[in-house]
Amino acid sequence: MNLQLFAAAVLSVFCFTAGWTAEGWRKDAEITRVKRAYTEQRAVDLQQHLDDLTEAEAFGRELVTRLAAQENALQTLAQEKDNEIRRLTIGRRCLDGAAVRVLNRTASLKPAALPEAASEPLRADAAFATDTDVGVWVGQCQRGYETCRGRLKAIADFYAEEK
């Protein structure tokens, strides 16, 4: 009976070990399959992200090109307007120095000195602004507004859902 008990124990240990080994092989095969599926899905996802990034970059370049063309057109129009304003205005007194200082006051609440316009139509010690100066300032404001509006539109276009 001891021999039968011993044989049964050995057989039980053998069956347990065989089952354990077979389960290990099955588990290893399942882990390998999951890893392979994960790697394949990750490659697909990375390719999709790369495609999206490439598309966004191309769209961004297109928007920059359009924006640059728009800003060049604005610059040309502004130059033409400035030339016409200088041609059509006679340089007569329009705004007194106090009004010019109020309009050009900085955010610091201290009265500013007379402005240095981009086109330098005024002397530093001028006591008034001419109609030419006012016309040029209006043109600069319009150009700045249109430039800002174009840039904001380009940003909005870039982030728009439908491209």
Protein backbone atom coordinates (compact mmCIF):
# COMPACT_ATOMS: atom_id res chain seq x y z
CA MET A 1 0.00 0.00 0.00
CA ASN A 2 2.89 2.31 0.63
CA LEU A 3 4.07 1.72 -2.89
CA GLN A 4 0.64 2.57 -4.28
CA LEU A 5 0.43 5.65 -2.09
CA PHE A 6 3.90 6.68 -3.20
CA ALA A 7 3.00 6.07 -6.88
CA ALA A 8 -0.20 8.07 -6.47
CA ALA A 9 1.73 10.92 -4.84
CA VAL A 10 4.35 10.89 -7.61
CA LEU A 11 1.60 10.77 -10.23
CA SER A 12 -0.20 13.66 -8.51
CA VAL A 13 3.01 15.72 -8.36
CA PHE A 14 3.69 14.90 -12.04
CA CYS A 15 0.15 15.89 -13.08
CA PHE A 16 0.35 19.07 -11.00
CA THR A 17 3.75 19.96 -12.53
CA ALA A 18 2.52 19.18 -16.05
CA GLY A 19 -0.59 21.30 -15.51
CA TRP A 20 1.47 24.11 -14.02
CA THR A 21 3.87 24.01 -16.97
CA ALA A 22 1.06 23.88 -19.55
CA GLU A 23 -0.68 26.83 -17.86
CA GLY A 24 2.64 28.74 -17.90
CA TRP A 25 3.00 28.12 -21.62
CA ARG A 26 -0.59 29.26 -22.21
CA LYS A 27 -0.05 32.36 -20.05
CA ASP A 28 3.21 33.21 -21.84
CA ALA A 29 1.50 32.81 -25.23
CA GLU A 30 -1.37 35.07 -24.09
CA ILE A 31 1.06 37.73 -22.79
CA THR A 32 2.96 37.60 -26.07
CA ARG A 33 -0.29 37.98 -28.02
CA VAL A 34 -1.39 40.96 -25.89
CA LYS A 35 2.02 42.62 -26.24
CA ARG A 36 1.97 42.13 -30.01
CA ALA A 37 -1.57 43.55 -30.27
CA TYR A 38 -0.56 46.53 -28.11
CA THR A 39 2.55 47.19 -30.21
CA GLU A 40 0.56 46.97 -33.44
CA GLN A 41 -2.14 49.33 -32.11
CA ARG A 42 0.50 51.75 -30.85
CA ALA A 43 2.14 51.79 -34.29
CA VAL A 44 -1.24 52.54 -35.91
CA ASP A 45 -1.91 55.31 -33.35
CA LEU A 46 1.54 56.83 -33.85
CA GLN A 47 1.08 56.83 -37.61
CA GLN A 48 -2.31 58.50 -37.22
CA HIS A 49 -0.81 61.16 -34.92
CA LEU A 50 2.02 61.71 -37.38
CA ASP A 51 -0.47 62.10 -40.24
CA ASP A 52 -2.53 64.57 -38.16
CA LEU A 53 0.58 66.54 -37.25
CA THR A 54 1.75 66.64 -40.86
CA GLU A 55 -1.68 67.83 -41.99
CA ALA A 56 -1.78 70.51 -39.27
CA GLU A 57 1.71 71.68 -40.18
CA ALA A 58 0.80 71.94 -43.87
CA PHE A 59 -2.39 73.83 -43.00
CA GLY A 60 -0.40 76.13 -40.71
CA ARG A 61 2.08 76.87 -43.52
CA GLU A 62 -0.83 77.62 -45.86
CA LEU A 63 -2.33 80.02 -43.29
CA VAL A 64 1.03 81.74 -42.75
CA THR A 65 1.37 82.20 -46.51
CA ARG A 66 -2.15 83.65 -46.76
CA LEU A 67 -1.54 85.88 -43.75
CA ALA A 68 1.75 87.16 -45.17
CA ALA A 69 0.05 87.94 -48.49
CA GLN A 70 -2.75 89.75 -46.67
CA GLU A 71 -0.29 91.76 -44.57
CA ASN A 72 1.73 92.65 -47.68
CA ALA A 73 -1.47 93.84 -49.36
CA LEU A 74 -2.34 95.87 -46.25
CA GLN A 75 1.14 97.40 -46.22
CA THR A 76 0.87 98.34 -49.90
CA LEU A 77 -2.60 99.82 -49.37
CA ALA A 78 -1.39 101.73 -46.31
CA GLN A 79 1.52 103.19 -48.25
CA GLU A 80 -0.82 104.23 -51.06
CA LYS A 81 -3.21 105.80 -48.52
CA ASP A 82 -0.36 107.64 -46.79
CA ASN A 83 0.83 109.01 -50.13
CA GLU A 84 -2.69 110.14 -51.06
CA ILE A 85 -3.26 111.69 -47.62
CA ARG A 86 -0.05 113.66 -47.98
CA ARG A 87 -1.09 114.72 -51.49
CA LEU A 88 -4.66 115.67 -50.57
CA THR A 89 -4.07 117.41 -47.26
CA ILE A 90 -2.51 120.81 -47.04
CA GLY A 91 -0.88 120.54 -43.63
CA ARG A 92 -3.21 122.99 -41.93
CA ARG A 93 -3.52 123.04 -38.16
CA CYS A 94 -6.00 120.41 -36.96
CA LEU A 95 -5.38 119.45 -33.32
CA ASP A 96 -3.71 121.64 -30.73
CA GLY A 97 -0.79 120.28 -28.73
CA ALA A 98 -2.95 119.62 -25.66
CA ALA A 99 -5.32 117.43 -27.69
CA VAL A 100 -2.40 115.59 -29.23
CA ARG A 101 -0.93 114.92 -25.78
CA VAL A 102 -4.29 113.59 -24.52
CA LEU A 103 -4.66 111.28 -27.52
CA ASN A 104 -1.13 109.97 -27.13
CA ARG A 105 -1.13 109.65 -23.36
CA THR A 106 0.45 106.43 -22.20
CA ALA A 107 -1.11 104.11 -19.66
CA SER A 108 0.90 105.73 -16.87
CA LEU A 109 -1.52 108.70 -16.54
CA LYS A 110 1.37 111.15 -16.89
CA PRO A 111 0.92 113.52 -19.80
CA ALA A 112 3.08 112.36 -22.65
CA ALA A 113 5.24 114.55 -24.78
CA LEU A 114 4.17 115.12 -28.33
CA PRO A 115 4.30 111.83 -30.23
CA GLU A 116 6.93 110.56 -32.54
CA ALA A 117 4.85 109.34 -35.43
CA ALA A 118 6.13 106.44 -37.49
CA SER A 119 6.43 108.65 -40.54
CA GLU A 120 7.84 111.56 -38.50
CA PRO A 121 5.35 114.20 -39.76
CA LEU A 122 5.82 116.31 -36.59
CA ARG A 123 8.86 117.97 -35.17
CA ALA A 124 9.58 116.98 -31.58
CA ASP A 125 8.64 120.45 -30.36
CA ALA A 126 5.51 120.88 -32.52
CA ALA A 127 2.63 122.62 -30.82
CA PHE A 128 -0.13 121.08 -32.94
CA ALA A 129 -0.96 118.23 -35.30
CA THR A 130 -1.85 118.90 -38.91
CA ASP A 131 -4.64 117.31 -40.89
CA THR A 132 -1.90 115.26 -42.57
CA ASP A 133 -0.74 113.94 -39.20
CA VAL A 134 -4.29 112.98 -38.25
CA GLY A 135 -4.86 111.26 -41.59
CA VAL A 136 -1.63 109.28 -41.24
CA TRP A 137 -2.55 108.30 -37.65
CA VAL A 138 -5.96 107.10 -38.82
CA GLY A 139 -4.27 105.02 -41.52
CA GLN A 140 -1.88 103.51 -38.97
CA CYS A 141 -4.81 102.63 -36.71
CA GLN A 142 -6.71 101.02 -39.57
CA ARG A 143 -3.63 99.06 -40.66
CA GLY A 144 -3.00 97.88 -37.09
CA TYR A 145 -6.63 96.83 -36.71
CA GLU A 146 -6.67 94.93 -40.01
CA THR A 147 -3.35 93.23 -39.21
CA CYS A 148 -4.64 92.13 -35.81
CA ARG A 149 -7.96 90.99 -37.28
CA GLY A 150 -6.17 88.95 -39.96
CA ARG A 151 -3.90 87.28 -37.43
CA LEU A 152 -6.78 86.42 -35.11
CA LYS A 153 -8.74 85.00 -38.05
CA ALA A 154 -5.74 82.86 -39.05
CA ILE A 155 -5.50 81.51 -35.50
CA ALA A 156 -9.25 80.80 -35.46
CA ASP A 157 -9.00 79.10 -38.87
CA PHE A 158 -6.17 76.90 -37.62
CA TYR A 159 -8.19 75.69 -34.64
CA ALA A 160 -11.50 75.41 -36.49
CA GLU A 161 -12.99 71.93 -36.45
CA GLU A 162 -13.56 71.78 -40.20
CA LYS A 163 -10.53 72.57 -42.32
